[in-house]
């Protein structure tokens, strides 16, 4: 439930400018998530959302709550990644239901040289590498982190 709710939060802030937690809470309620202000505050903190230009946004690359984006990525891989497969320069990452966007945000924030871009669904992420060699390196990195 938490992962789906947090995924809904990320959806909401990507679709439109969300300026307050109350506005976010109303959007979540419309999506079927009735959350308290305390729960919403905790989710905002755990997702590392920042307020920039008056609206919530995913975390900036350098650091969130004292953790580097690579550390957040490492933790997200260990927590959410269930399977990884490669086809040429395409890498498919599988997660539990509702967790792909959380891992996708962490993957994008890590700004890895092996990743040109990502597309995240509910439980699947497509990561595109510049070439097959770097796709293999990405798979090796992900497999190493998921076993940690």
C-alpha atoms as a PDB file:
ATOM      1  CA  UNK A   1       0.000   0.000   0.000  1.00  0.00           C
ATOM      2  CA  UNK A   2       2.809   2.416   0.918  1.00  0.00           C
ATOM      3  CA  UNK A   3       4.661   1.852  -2.368  1.00  0.00           C
ATOM      4  CA  UNK A   4       1.491   2.416  -4.398  1.00  0.00           C
ATOM      5  CA  UNK A   5       0.661   5.551  -2.413  1.00  0.00           C
ATOM      6  CA  UNK A   6       4.157   6.922  -2.911  1.00  0.00           C
ATOM      7  CA  UNK A   7       3.921   6.098  -6.604  1.00  0.00           C
ATOM      8  CA  UNK A   8       0.647   8.067  -6.722  1.00  0.00           C
ATOM      9  CA  UNK A   9       2.430  11.002  -5.066  1.00  0.00           C
ATOM     10  CA  UNK A  10       5.130  10.946  -7.743  1.00  0.00           C
ATOM     11  CA  UNK A  11       2.441  10.774 -10.443  1.00  0.00           C
ATOM     12  CA  UNK A  12       0.638  13.766  -8.942  1.00  0.00           C
ATOM     13  CA  UNK A  13       3.701  16.009  -8.795  1.00  0.00           C
ATOM     14  CA  UNK A  14       4.734  15.072 -12.323  1.00  0.00           C
ATOM     15  CA  UNK A  15       1.293  15.778 -13.822  1.00  0.00           C
ATOM     16  CA  UNK A  16       0.835  19.256 -12.360  1.00  0.00           C
ATOM     17  CA  UNK A  17       2.320  21.801  -9.986  1.00  0.00           C
ATOM     18  CA  UNK A  18       1.512  20.787  -6.416  1.00  0.00           C
ATOM     19  CA  UNK A  19       2.117  23.720  -4.101  1.00  0.00           C
ATOM     20  CA  UNK A  20       1.054  22.335  -0.706  1.00  0.00           C
ATOM     21  CA  UNK A  21       0.627  19.112   1.203  1.00  0.00           C
ATOM     22  CA  UNK A  22      -3.083  19.866   1.483  1.00  0.00           C
ATOM     23  CA  UNK A  23      -3.370  20.072  -2.301  1.00  0.00           C
ATOM     24  CA  UNK A  24      -1.434  16.809  -2.561  1.00  0.00           C
ATOM     25  CA  UNK A  25      -3.652  15.180   0.083  1.00  0.00           C
ATOM     26  CA  UNK A  26      -6.783  16.137  -1.919  1.00  0.00           C
ATOM     27  CA  UNK A  27      -5.290  14.666  -5.092  1.00  0.00           C
ATOM     28  CA  UNK A  28      -4.441  11.459  -3.267  1.00  0.00           C
ATOM     29  CA  UNK A  29      -7.972  11.254  -1.851  1.00  0.00           C
ATOM     30  CA  UNK A  30      -9.368  11.612  -5.397  1.00  0.00           C
ATOM     31  CA  UNK A  31      -7.078   8.742  -6.431  1.00  0.00           C
ATOM     32  CA  UNK A  32      -8.425   6.555  -3.609  1.00  0.00           C
ATOM     33  CA  UNK A  33      -5.802   7.160  -0.909  1.00  0.00           C
ATOM     34  CA  UNK A  34      -7.156   8.710   2.285  1.00  0.00           C
ATOM     35  CA  UNK A  35      -4.002   9.726   4.174  1.00  0.00           C
ATOM     36  CA  UNK A  36      -3.354  11.764   7.268  1.00  0.00           C
ATOM     37  CA  UNK A  37      -1.129  14.828   7.165  1.00  0.00           C
ATOM     38  CA  UNK A  38       1.482  12.971   9.241  1.00  0.00           C
ATOM     39  CA  UNK A  39       1.596  10.065   6.776  1.00  0.00           C
ATOM     40  CA  UNK A  40       1.838  12.453   3.856  1.00  0.00           C
ATOM     41  CA  UNK A  41       4.691  14.370   5.513  1.00  0.00           C
ATOM     42  CA  UNK A  42       6.537  11.103   6.100  1.00  0.00           C
ATOM     43  CA  UNK A  43       6.027  10.069   2.450  1.00  0.00           C
ATOM     44  CA  UNK A  44       7.284  13.438   1.195  1.00  0.00           C
ATOM     45  CA  UNK A  45      10.379  13.085   3.400  1.00  0.00           C
ATOM     46  CA  UNK A  46      11.031   9.442   2.375  1.00  0.00           C
ATOM     47  CA  UNK A  47      10.671  10.260  -1.316  1.00  0.00           C
ATOM     48  CA  UNK A  48      13.088  13.146  -0.862  1.00  0.00           C
ATOM     49  CA  UNK A  49      10.718  15.617  -2.519  1.00  0.00           C
ATOM     50  CA  UNK A  50      11.890  19.197  -2.557  1.00  0.00           C
ATOM     51  CA  UNK A  51       9.990  22.423  -3.025  1.00  0.00           C
ATOM     52  CA  UNK A  52      11.371  24.450  -5.893  1.00  0.00           C
ATOM     53  CA  UNK A  53       9.692  27.383  -7.584  1.00  0.00           C
ATOM     54  CA  UNK A  54       6.799  26.960  -5.163  1.00  0.00           C
ATOM     55  CA  UNK A  55       5.943  23.343  -6.062  1.00  0.00           C
ATOM     56  CA  UNK A  56       7.012  19.847  -5.010  1.00  0.00           C
ATOM     57  CA  UNK A  57       9.562  18.163  -7.245  1.00  0.00           C
ATOM     58  CA  UNK A  58      11.602  14.957  -7.130  1.00  0.00           C
ATOM     59  CA  UNK A  59      14.942  15.339  -5.344  1.00  0.00           C
ATOM     60  CA  UNK A  60      17.791  17.175  -6.991  1.00  0.00           C
ATOM     61  CA  UNK A  61      20.834  15.145  -7.917  1.00  0.00           C
ATOM     62  CA  UNK A  62      23.397  16.186  -5.262  1.00  0.00           C
ATOM     63  CA  UNK A  63      21.912  15.156  -1.905  1.00  0.00           C
ATOM     64  CA  UNK A  64      18.676  14.504  -0.077  1.00  0.00           C
ATOM     65  CA  UNK A  65      18.495  14.423   3.713  1.00  0.00           C
ATOM     66  CA  UNK A  66      22.290  14.144   3.847  1.00  0.00           C
ATOM     67  CA  UNK A  67      22.394  11.133   1.483  1.00  0.00           C
ATOM     68  CA  UNK A  68      23.889  11.281  -1.980  1.00  0.00           C
ATOM     69  CA  UNK A  69      21.693  10.377  -4.923  1.00  0.00           C
ATOM     70  CA  UNK A  70      23.911   7.324  -5.525  1.00  0.00           C
ATOM     71  CA  UNK A  71      23.309   6.149  -1.938  1.00  0.00           C
ATOM     72  CA  UNK A  72      19.556   6.573  -2.449  1.00  0.00           C
ATOM     73  CA  UNK A  73      19.860   4.651  -5.722  1.00  0.00           C
ATOM     74  CA  UNK A  74      21.784   1.842  -4.010  1.00  0.00           C
ATOM     75  CA  UNK A  75      19.131   1.587  -1.304  1.00  0.00           C
ATOM     76  CA  UNK A  76      16.273   1.664  -3.829  1.00  0.00           C
ATOM     77  CA  UNK A  77      17.846  -1.134  -5.898  1.00  0.00           C
ATOM     78  CA  UNK A  78      18.354  -3.280  -2.805  1.00  0.00           C
ATOM     79  CA  UNK A  79      14.777  -2.662  -1.662  1.00  0.00           C
ATOM     80  CA  UNK A  80      12.738  -2.703  -4.902  1.00  0.00           C
ATOM     81  CA  UNK A  81      14.589  -4.586  -7.686  1.00  0.00           C
ATOM     82  CA  UNK A  82      13.388  -8.173  -8.154  1.00  0.00           C
ATOM     83  CA  UNK A  83      14.793  -9.056 -11.596  1.00  0.00           C
ATOM     84  CA  UNK A  84      16.995  -7.545 -14.296  1.00  0.00           C
ATOM     85  CA  UNK A  85      17.463  -8.643 -17.926  1.00  0.00           C
ATOM     86  CA  UNK A  86      19.336  -7.210 -20.919  1.00  0.00           C
ATOM     87  CA  UNK A  87      18.589  -7.203 -24.649  1.00  0.00           C
ATOM     88  CA  UNK A  88      21.331  -5.432 -26.589  1.00  0.00           C
ATOM     89  CA  UNK A  89      21.468  -1.925 -25.071  1.00  0.00           C
ATOM     90  CA  UNK A  90      18.052  -2.220 -23.380  1.00  0.00           C
ATOM     91  CA  UNK A  91      17.842  -3.218 -19.713  1.00  0.00           C
ATOM     92  CA  UNK A  92      14.523  -4.306 -18.219  1.00  0.00           C
ATOM     93  CA  UNK A  93      14.186  -3.945 -14.446  1.00  0.00           C
ATOM     94  CA  UNK A  94      11.314  -5.626 -12.594  1.00  0.00           C
ATOM     95  CA  UNK A  95       9.962  -4.530  -9.204  1.00  0.00           C
ATOM     96  CA  UNK A  96       6.999  -5.259  -7.007  1.00  0.00           C
ATOM     97  CA  UNK A  97       3.656  -3.644  -7.899  1.00  0.00           C
ATOM     98  CA  UNK A  98       3.760   0.145  -7.628  1.00  0.00           C
ATOM     99  CA  UNK A  99       7.517   0.310  -7.048  1.00  0.00           C
ATOM    100  CA  UNK A 100       8.889   0.952 -10.543  1.00  0.00           C
ATOM    101  CA  UNK A 101       8.470   4.713 -10.383  1.00  0.00           C
ATOM    102  CA  UNK A 102      10.234   4.876  -7.024  1.00  0.00           C
ATOM    103  CA  UNK A 103      13.207   2.961  -8.396  1.00  0.00           C
ATOM    104  CA  UNK A 104      13.015   4.924 -11.666  1.00  0.00           C
ATOM    105  CA  UNK A 105      13.312   8.257  -9.849  1.00  0.00           C
ATOM    106  CA  UNK A 106      16.331   6.933  -7.926  1.00  0.00           C
ATOM    107  CA  UNK A 107      17.891   5.586 -11.134  1.00  0.00           C
ATOM    108  CA  UNK A 108      17.410   8.896 -12.949  1.00  0.00           C
ATOM    109  CA  UNK A 109      18.718  10.839  -9.940  1.00  0.00           C
ATOM    110  CA  UNK A 110      21.895   8.749  -9.798  1.00  0.00           C
ATOM    111  CA  UNK A 111      22.826   9.978 -13.296  1.00  0.00           C
ATOM    112  CA  UNK A 112      24.757   6.820 -14.115  1.00  0.00           C
ATOM    113  CA  UNK A 113      26.958   6.939 -17.229  1.00  0.00           C
ATOM    114  CA  UNK A 114      25.444   3.602 -18.297  1.00  0.00           C
ATOM    115  CA  UNK A 115      21.928   5.098 -18.602  1.00  0.00           C
ATOM    116  CA  UNK A 116      20.740   7.401 -21.382  1.00  0.00           C
ATOM    117  CA  UNK A 117      17.127   7.392 -20.205  1.00  0.00           C
ATOM    118  CA  UNK A 118      14.379   5.414 -18.485  1.00  0.00           C
ATOM    119  CA  UNK A 119      10.676   4.706 -18.798  1.00  0.00           C
ATOM    120  CA  UNK A 120       8.840   3.410 -15.718  1.00  0.00           C
ATOM    121  CA  UNK A 121       5.481   1.721 -15.460  1.00  0.00           C
ATOM    122  CA  UNK A 122       3.866   0.084 -12.445  1.00  0.00           C
ATOM    123  CA  UNK A 123       6.307  -2.793 -11.945  1.00  0.00           C
ATOM    124  CA  UNK A 124       8.720  -2.497 -14.892  1.00  0.00           C
ATOM    125  CA  UNK A 125      11.420  -0.032 -15.918  1.00  0.00           C
ATOM    126  CA  UNK A 126      13.070   0.145 -19.310  1.00  0.00           C
ATOM    127  CA  UNK A 127      16.556   1.632 -19.029  1.00  0.00           C
ATOM    128  CA  UNK A 128      18.359   2.485 -22.244  1.00  0.00           C
ATOM    129  CA  UNK A 129      22.138   2.358 -22.353  1.00  0.00           C
ATOM    130  CA  UNK A 130      24.310   4.001 -25.031  1.00  0.00           C
ATOM    131  CA  UNK A 131      25.568   0.596 -26.202  1.00  0.00           C
ATOM    132  CA  UNK A 132      25.549  -3.118 -25.338  1.00  0.00           C
ATOM    133  CA  UNK A 133      28.827  -2.910 -23.387  1.00  0.00           C
ATOM    134  CA  UNK A 134      27.455  -0.290 -20.987  1.00  0.00           C
ATOM    135  CA  UNK A 135      24.175  -2.183 -20.736  1.00  0.00           C
ATOM    136  CA  UNK A 136      26.157  -5.217 -19.516  1.00  0.00           C
ATOM    137  CA  UNK A 137      27.951  -2.960 -17.006  1.00  0.00           C
ATOM    138  CA  UNK A 138      24.597  -1.649 -15.759  1.00  0.00           C
ATOM    139  CA  UNK A 139      23.227  -5.175 -15.308  1.00  0.00           C
ATOM    140  CA  UNK A 140      26.357  -6.172 -13.402  1.00  0.00           C
ATOM    141  CA  UNK A 141      26.037  -3.091 -11.149  1.00  0.00           C
ATOM    142  CA  UNK A 142      22.331  -3.737 -10.492  1.00  0.00           C
ATOM    143  CA  UNK A 143      22.838  -7.418  -9.752  1.00  0.00           C
ATOM    144  CA  UNK A 144      25.633  -6.571  -7.324  1.00  0.00           C
ATOM    145  CA  UNK A 145      23.461  -4.055  -5.469  1.00  0.00           C
ATOM    146  CA  UNK A 146      20.384  -6.272  -5.348  1.00  0.00           C
ATOM    147  CA  UNK A 147      22.371  -9.037  -3.604  1.00  0.00           C
ATOM    148  CA  UNK A 148      23.715  -6.666  -0.957  1.00  0.00           C
END
